[in-house]
N, C-alpha and C. Protein backbone atom coordinates (compact mmCIF):
# COMPACT_ATOMS: atom_id res chain seq x y z
N UNK A 1 1.03 -1.01 -0.21
CA UNK A 1 -0.27 -0.07 -0.10
C UNK A 1 0.60 1.29 -0.06
N UNK A 2 0.44 2.36 -0.70
CA UNK A 2 1.65 3.53 -0.69
C UNK A 2 0.43 4.37 -0.36
N UNK A 3 1.15 5.10 0.64
CA UNK A 3 0.63 6.21 1.44
C UNK A 3 0.77 7.16 1.05
N UNK A 4 0.16 8.78 1.07
CA UNK A 4 -0.06 9.81 0.40
C UNK A 4 -1.02 10.17 0.14
N UNK A 5 -1.04 11.51 -0.54
CA UNK A 5 -2.39 12.15 -0.73
C UNK A 5 -2.21 12.13 -2.34
N UNK A 6 -3.58 12.00 -2.73
CA UNK A 6 -4.25 12.01 -4.33
C UNK A 6 -4.50 13.59 -4.67
N UNK A 7 -3.60 13.76 -5.88
CA UNK A 7 -4.04 15.40 -6.17
C UNK A 7 -4.34 15.03 -8.02
N UNK A 8 -5.43 16.00 -8.14
CA UNK A 8 -5.74 15.99 -9.17
C UNK A 8 -5.24 17.15 -9.74
N UNK A 9 -4.66 17.03 -10.92
CA UNK A 9 -3.51 17.88 -12.05
C UNK A 9 -3.86 17.93 -13.45
N UNK A 10 -3.67 19.18 -13.75
CA UNK A 10 -3.25 19.22 -15.30
C UNK A 10 -2.13 18.99 -15.66
N UNK A 11 -1.02 19.44 -15.05
CA UNK A 11 0.23 19.96 -15.30
C UNK A 11 1.14 19.21 -14.45
N UNK A 12 1.75 18.60 -14.23
CA UNK A 12 2.58 17.98 -12.98
C UNK A 12 4.48 18.51 -13.54
N UNK A 13 4.85 19.16 -12.39
CA UNK A 13 6.24 19.29 -12.38
C UNK A 13 7.05 18.73 -11.21
N UNK A 14 7.98 17.52 -12.00
CA UNK A 14 8.86 16.99 -11.03
C UNK A 14 9.76 17.61 -10.58
N UNK A 15 10.51 18.04 -9.48
CA UNK A 15 11.73 18.48 -9.36
C UNK A 15 11.43 20.57 -8.65
N UNK A 16 11.58 20.84 -7.83
CA UNK A 16 12.02 22.09 -7.18
C UNK A 16 13.29 22.61 -7.40
N UNK A 17 14.26 22.40 -8.08
CA UNK A 17 14.96 23.19 -8.45
C UNK A 17 14.69 24.29 -9.44
N UNK A 18 15.78 25.16 -9.61
CA UNK A 18 15.66 26.33 -10.29
C UNK A 18 14.60 26.09 -11.46
N UNK A 19 15.00 25.20 -12.42
CA UNK A 19 14.27 24.77 -13.50
C UNK A 19 13.07 24.24 -13.34
N UNK A 20 12.84 23.60 -12.45
CA UNK A 20 11.36 23.21 -11.93
C UNK A 20 10.69 24.36 -11.72
N UNK A 21 11.06 25.08 -10.57
CA UNK A 21 10.28 26.37 -10.54
C UNK A 21 9.66 27.30 -11.58
N UNK A 22 10.65 27.23 -12.27
CA UNK A 22 10.47 28.07 -13.53
C UNK A 22 9.52 27.20 -14.54
N UNK A 23 9.71 26.09 -14.61
CA UNK A 23 8.51 25.45 -15.16
C UNK A 23 7.27 25.64 -14.72
N UNK A 24 7.08 25.46 -13.66
CA UNK A 24 5.81 25.50 -12.98
C UNK A 24 5.33 26.90 -13.22
N UNK A 25 6.10 28.12 -13.30
CA UNK A 25 5.83 29.24 -12.79
C UNK A 25 5.21 29.30 -14.65
N UNK A 26 6.05 29.48 -15.32
CA UNK A 26 5.57 29.38 -17.04
C UNK A 26 4.35 28.53 -17.19
N UNK A 27 4.33 27.29 -16.71
CA UNK A 27 2.93 26.29 -16.86
C UNK A 27 1.79 27.54 -16.75
N UNK A 28 1.48 27.91 -15.22
CA UNK A 28 0.60 28.41 -14.71
C UNK A 28 0.46 30.19 -15.54
N UNK A 29 1.38 30.72 -16.05
CA UNK A 29 1.33 31.71 -16.67
C UNK A 29 0.74 31.30 -18.00
N UNK A 30 1.32 30.52 -18.75
CA UNK A 30 0.52 30.47 -19.90
C UNK A 30 -0.29 29.48 -20.26
N UNK A 31 -1.04 29.09 -19.45
CA UNK A 31 -2.05 28.15 -19.28
C UNK A 31 -3.53 28.71 -18.98
N UNK A 32 -4.55 28.22 -19.49
CA UNK A 32 -5.59 28.81 -19.77
C UNK A 32 -6.22 28.62 -18.25
N UNK A 33 -7.06 29.83 -17.50
CA UNK A 33 -7.64 29.99 -16.38
C UNK A 33 -7.81 28.26 -15.78
N UNK A 34 -7.83 28.32 -14.61
CA UNK A 34 -8.08 27.36 -14.14
C UNK A 34 -7.27 25.96 -13.97
N UNK A 35 -6.55 26.15 -15.07
CA UNK A 35 -5.59 24.92 -15.32
C UNK A 35 -4.56 24.72 -13.57
N UNK A 36 -4.35 23.46 -13.27
CA UNK A 36 -3.94 23.23 -11.91
C UNK A 36 -2.32 22.88 -12.30
N UNK A 37 -1.57 23.12 -11.90
CA UNK A 37 -0.39 23.06 -12.16
C UNK A 37 0.10 22.33 -10.34
N UNK A 38 1.04 21.36 -10.52
CA UNK A 38 1.31 20.77 -9.01
C UNK A 38 2.99 20.75 -9.31
N UNK A 39 3.53 20.97 -8.13
CA UNK A 39 5.02 21.23 -8.12
C UNK A 39 5.27 20.19 -7.12
N UNK A 40 6.13 18.81 -7.45
CA UNK A 40 6.53 17.90 -6.53
C UNK A 40 8.15 18.01 -6.38
N UNK A 41 8.09 17.72 -5.32
CA UNK A 41 10.15 17.81 -4.53
C UNK A 41 10.16 16.56 -3.82
N UNK A 42 11.25 16.06 -3.42
CA UNK A 42 11.42 14.89 -2.66
C UNK A 42 12.04 15.74 -1.03
N UNK A 43 12.04 16.95 -1.18
CA UNK A 43 11.93 17.68 0.29
C UNK A 43 11.65 19.02 0.06
N UNK A 44 11.79 19.72 0.54
CA UNK A 44 11.54 21.13 1.16
C UNK A 44 11.93 22.10 -0.18
N UNK A 45 11.17 23.08 -0.68
CA UNK A 45 11.35 23.36 -2.21
C UNK A 45 12.24 24.58 -2.05
N UNK A 46 13.29 24.66 -2.64
CA UNK A 46 14.44 25.64 -2.60
C UNK A 46 15.41 25.40 -1.63
N UNK A 47 15.05 23.96 -0.57
CA UNK A 47 16.39 24.13 0.48
C UNK A 47 16.99 22.81 -0.12
N UNK A 48 16.93 21.76 -1.22
CA UNK A 48 17.78 20.73 -1.49
C UNK A 48 18.53 21.23 -2.86
N UNK A 49 19.43 20.22 -3.39
CA UNK A 49 19.86 19.91 -4.32
C UNK A 49 20.88 21.31 -4.92
N UNK A 50 20.56 21.76 -5.97
CA UNK A 50 21.27 22.82 -6.55
C UNK A 50 20.67 24.18 -6.07
N UNK A 51 19.71 23.92 -5.84
CA UNK A 51 18.41 25.19 -5.47
C UNK A 51 18.90 25.55 -4.42
N UNK A 52 19.26 25.21 -3.32
CA UNK A 52 20.22 25.78 -1.91
C UNK A 52 21.42 26.41 -2.11
N UNK A 53 22.30 25.64 -3.27
CA UNK A 53 23.55 26.33 -3.53
C UNK A 53 23.46 27.86 -4.09
N UNK A 54 22.29 27.42 -5.23
CA UNK A 54 22.10 28.91 -5.88
C UNK A 54 21.21 30.14 -5.02
N UNK A 55 20.97 29.68 -4.03
CA UNK A 55 20.20 30.83 -3.51
C UNK A 55 20.95 31.16 -2.22
N UNK A 56 22.05 30.43 -1.98
CA UNK A 56 22.76 30.91 -0.76
C UNK A 56 24.05 31.21 -0.98
N UNK A 57 24.62 31.22 -2.36
CA UNK A 57 25.90 31.52 -2.36
C UNK A 57 25.98 32.47 -3.63
N UNK A 58 27.35 33.14 -3.59
CA UNK A 58 27.82 34.02 -4.90
C UNK A 58 28.96 33.62 -5.24
N UNK A 59 29.39 32.65 -6.19
CA UNK A 59 30.27 32.13 -6.55
C UNK A 59 31.35 33.12 -7.46
N UNK A 60 32.39 33.45 -6.79
CA UNK A 60 33.12 34.42 -7.72
C UNK A 60 34.89 33.69 -7.58
N UNK A 61 35.48 33.72 -8.95
CA UNK A 61 36.52 33.09 -9.08
C UNK A 61 37.37 34.14 -9.49
N UNK A 62 38.30 34.29 -8.31
CA UNK A 62 39.23 35.69 -8.10
C UNK A 62 40.34 35.23 -8.92
N UNK A 63 41.37 36.54 -9.81
CA UNK A 63 42.24 35.85 -10.64
C UNK A 63 43.31 35.00 -10.16
N UNK A 64 43.41 34.78 -8.97
CA UNK A 64 44.30 34.29 -8.37
C UNK A 64 43.80 32.77 -7.99
N UNK A 65 42.65 32.72 -8.15
CA UNK A 65 41.93 31.28 -8.30
C UNK A 65 42.45 30.28 -9.43
N UNK A 66 42.49 28.96 -9.39
CA UNK A 66 42.28 27.97 -10.22
C UNK A 66 40.86 27.94 -11.05
N UNK A 67 41.00 28.94 -12.29
CA UNK A 67 39.49 28.57 -12.94
C UNK A 67 39.29 27.21 -13.34
N UNK A 68 40.26 26.32 -13.53
CA UNK A 68 40.22 25.13 -14.09
C UNK A 68 39.51 23.94 -13.14
N UNK A 69 40.10 24.25 -12.15
CA UNK A 69 39.81 23.45 -11.05
C UNK A 69 38.57 23.81 -10.39
N UNK A 70 38.11 25.04 -10.28
CA UNK A 70 36.66 25.00 -9.75
C UNK A 70 35.57 24.98 -10.56
N UNK A 71 35.96 25.15 -12.46
CA UNK A 71 35.23 24.44 -13.12
C UNK A 71 34.63 22.88 -12.96
N UNK A 72 35.98 22.42 -12.65
CA UNK A 72 36.20 20.84 -12.54
C UNK A 72 35.14 20.48 -11.18
N UNK A 73 35.18 20.75 -10.35
CA UNK A 73 34.32 20.75 -9.43
C UNK A 73 33.03 20.70 -9.19
N UNK A 74 32.42 21.95 -10.14
CA UNK A 74 30.96 22.15 -10.37
C UNK A 74 30.77 21.25 -11.31
N UNK A 75 31.53 21.01 -12.28
CA UNK A 75 30.93 19.82 -13.20
C UNK A 75 30.69 18.61 -12.52
N UNK A 76 31.51 18.21 -11.84
CA UNK A 76 31.39 16.85 -11.22
C UNK A 76 30.75 17.16 -10.57
N UNK A 77 30.34 18.04 -9.35
CA UNK A 77 29.12 18.19 -8.55
C UNK A 77 27.71 17.86 -9.19
N UNK A 78 27.60 18.17 -10.48
CA UNK A 78 26.41 18.03 -11.15
C UNK A 78 26.50 16.70 -12.03
N UNK A 79 27.31 15.88 -11.76
CA UNK A 79 27.30 14.59 -12.13
C UNK A 79 27.92 14.81 -13.94
N UNK A 80 28.40 15.32 -13.76
CA UNK A 80 29.25 16.07 -15.67
C UNK A 80 28.22 16.41 -16.55
N UNK A 81 26.53 16.47 -15.62
CA UNK A 81 25.38 16.92 -16.97
C UNK A 81 25.41 18.38 -17.10
N UNK A 82 26.11 19.49 -16.53
CA UNK A 82 26.32 20.66 -16.56
C UNK A 82 26.56 21.18 -17.89
N UNK A 83 26.17 22.01 -18.70
CA UNK A 83 26.76 22.50 -19.87
C UNK A 83 28.25 23.03 -19.50
N UNK A 84 29.30 22.39 -19.84
CA UNK A 84 30.70 22.59 -19.23
C UNK A 84 31.27 24.12 -20.37
N UNK A 85 30.83 24.45 -21.24
CA UNK A 85 31.52 25.68 -21.92
C UNK A 85 30.77 26.78 -21.15
N UNK A 86 29.15 26.46 -20.94
CA UNK A 86 28.80 27.79 -20.14
C UNK A 86 29.01 27.97 -18.80
N UNK A 87 29.46 26.76 -17.90
CA UNK A 87 30.18 27.01 -16.51
C UNK A 87 31.24 27.55 -16.38
N UNK A 88 31.89 27.05 -17.82
CA UNK A 88 33.55 28.06 -17.61
C UNK A 88 33.28 29.31 -18.20
N UNK A 89 32.50 29.51 -18.86
CA UNK A 89 32.09 31.07 -19.16
C UNK A 89 31.66 31.90 -18.07
N UNK A 90 30.88 31.38 -17.31
CA UNK A 90 30.47 32.04 -16.30
C UNK A 90 31.30 32.25 -15.29
N UNK A 91 31.81 31.11 -14.96
CA UNK A 91 33.08 31.24 -14.49
C UNK A 91 34.23 32.56 -14.26
N UNK A 92 34.36 32.20 -15.86
CA UNK A 92 35.44 33.25 -16.32
C UNK A 92 34.94 34.60 -16.26
N UNK A 93 33.64 34.83 -16.32
CA UNK A 93 33.45 36.60 -16.03
C UNK A 93 32.62 36.98 -14.78
N UNK A 94 33.13 35.94 -13.86
CA UNK A 94 32.24 35.97 -12.62
C UNK A 94 33.15 37.02 -11.70
N UNK A 95 34.34 37.23 -11.90
CA UNK A 95 35.03 38.45 -11.19
C UNK A 95 34.46 39.72 -11.73
N UNK A 96 34.23 39.99 -13.01
CA UNK A 96 34.13 41.23 -13.38
C UNK A 96 32.48 41.68 -13.02
N UNK A 97 31.41 40.27 -13.09
CA UNK A 97 30.56 40.88 -12.35
C UNK A 97 30.45 41.38 -10.79
N UNK A 98 30.93 40.28 -10.11
CA UNK A 98 31.32 40.61 -9.08
C UNK A 98 31.60 42.18 -8.62
N UNK A 99 32.55 42.47 -9.58
CA UNK A 99 32.80 44.33 -9.78
C UNK A 99 31.58 44.92 -10.06
N UNK A 100 30.79 44.77 -10.69
CA UNK A 100 29.78 45.48 -11.13
C UNK A 100 28.71 45.61 -10.24
N UNK A 101 28.57 43.92 -8.99
CA UNK A 101 27.61 44.17 -7.89
C UNK A 101 28.41 45.04 -7.08
N UNK A 102 29.67 45.47 -6.22
CA UNK A 102 30.59 46.51 -5.89
C UNK A 102 30.07 47.52 -6.48
N UNK A 103 30.23 47.61 -7.29
CA UNK A 103 29.92 48.99 -8.07
C UNK A 103 28.86 49.75 -7.75
N UNK A 104 27.91 48.53 -7.54
CA UNK A 104 26.43 49.03 -7.57
C UNK A 104 26.12 49.37 -6.13
N UNK A 105 27.21 49.19 -5.38
CA UNK A 105 26.63 49.24 -3.71
C UNK A 105 26.62 48.49 -2.99
N UNK A 106 26.50 47.19 -3.71
CA UNK A 106 26.55 46.15 -2.76
C UNK A 106 27.23 45.39 -1.55
N UNK A 107 27.44 45.23 -0.64
CA UNK A 107 28.41 44.67 0.45
C UNK A 107 28.62 43.51 0.69
N UNK A 108 29.66 42.65 0.34
CA UNK A 108 29.58 41.40 0.72
C UNK A 108 30.47 40.93 2.03
N UNK A 109 30.17 40.10 2.68
CA UNK A 109 31.40 40.03 3.98
C UNK A 109 32.79 39.41 3.57
């Protein structure tokens, strides 16, 4: 016997990481009125998987850091499914983006 709650839905989104959250929001916004969109996740929404990391950290590779090692760690942490050239590009420009945030008045500990 399976314990749980029966939910009737029109659109089911599995996974509440950033992609799942965006998919559910997009489905709700772009569906006819009354469409039931259900989002399910294995744990608390926004507090597990990569969502927790992306919500809690600003990752900056400083000029003295080993860009290749940081990129390798992130790609490996994503089971090699991450878009490797994109990860490399984001990390390579992260110090400049950090400078933009500081220039806009944001303070970082």
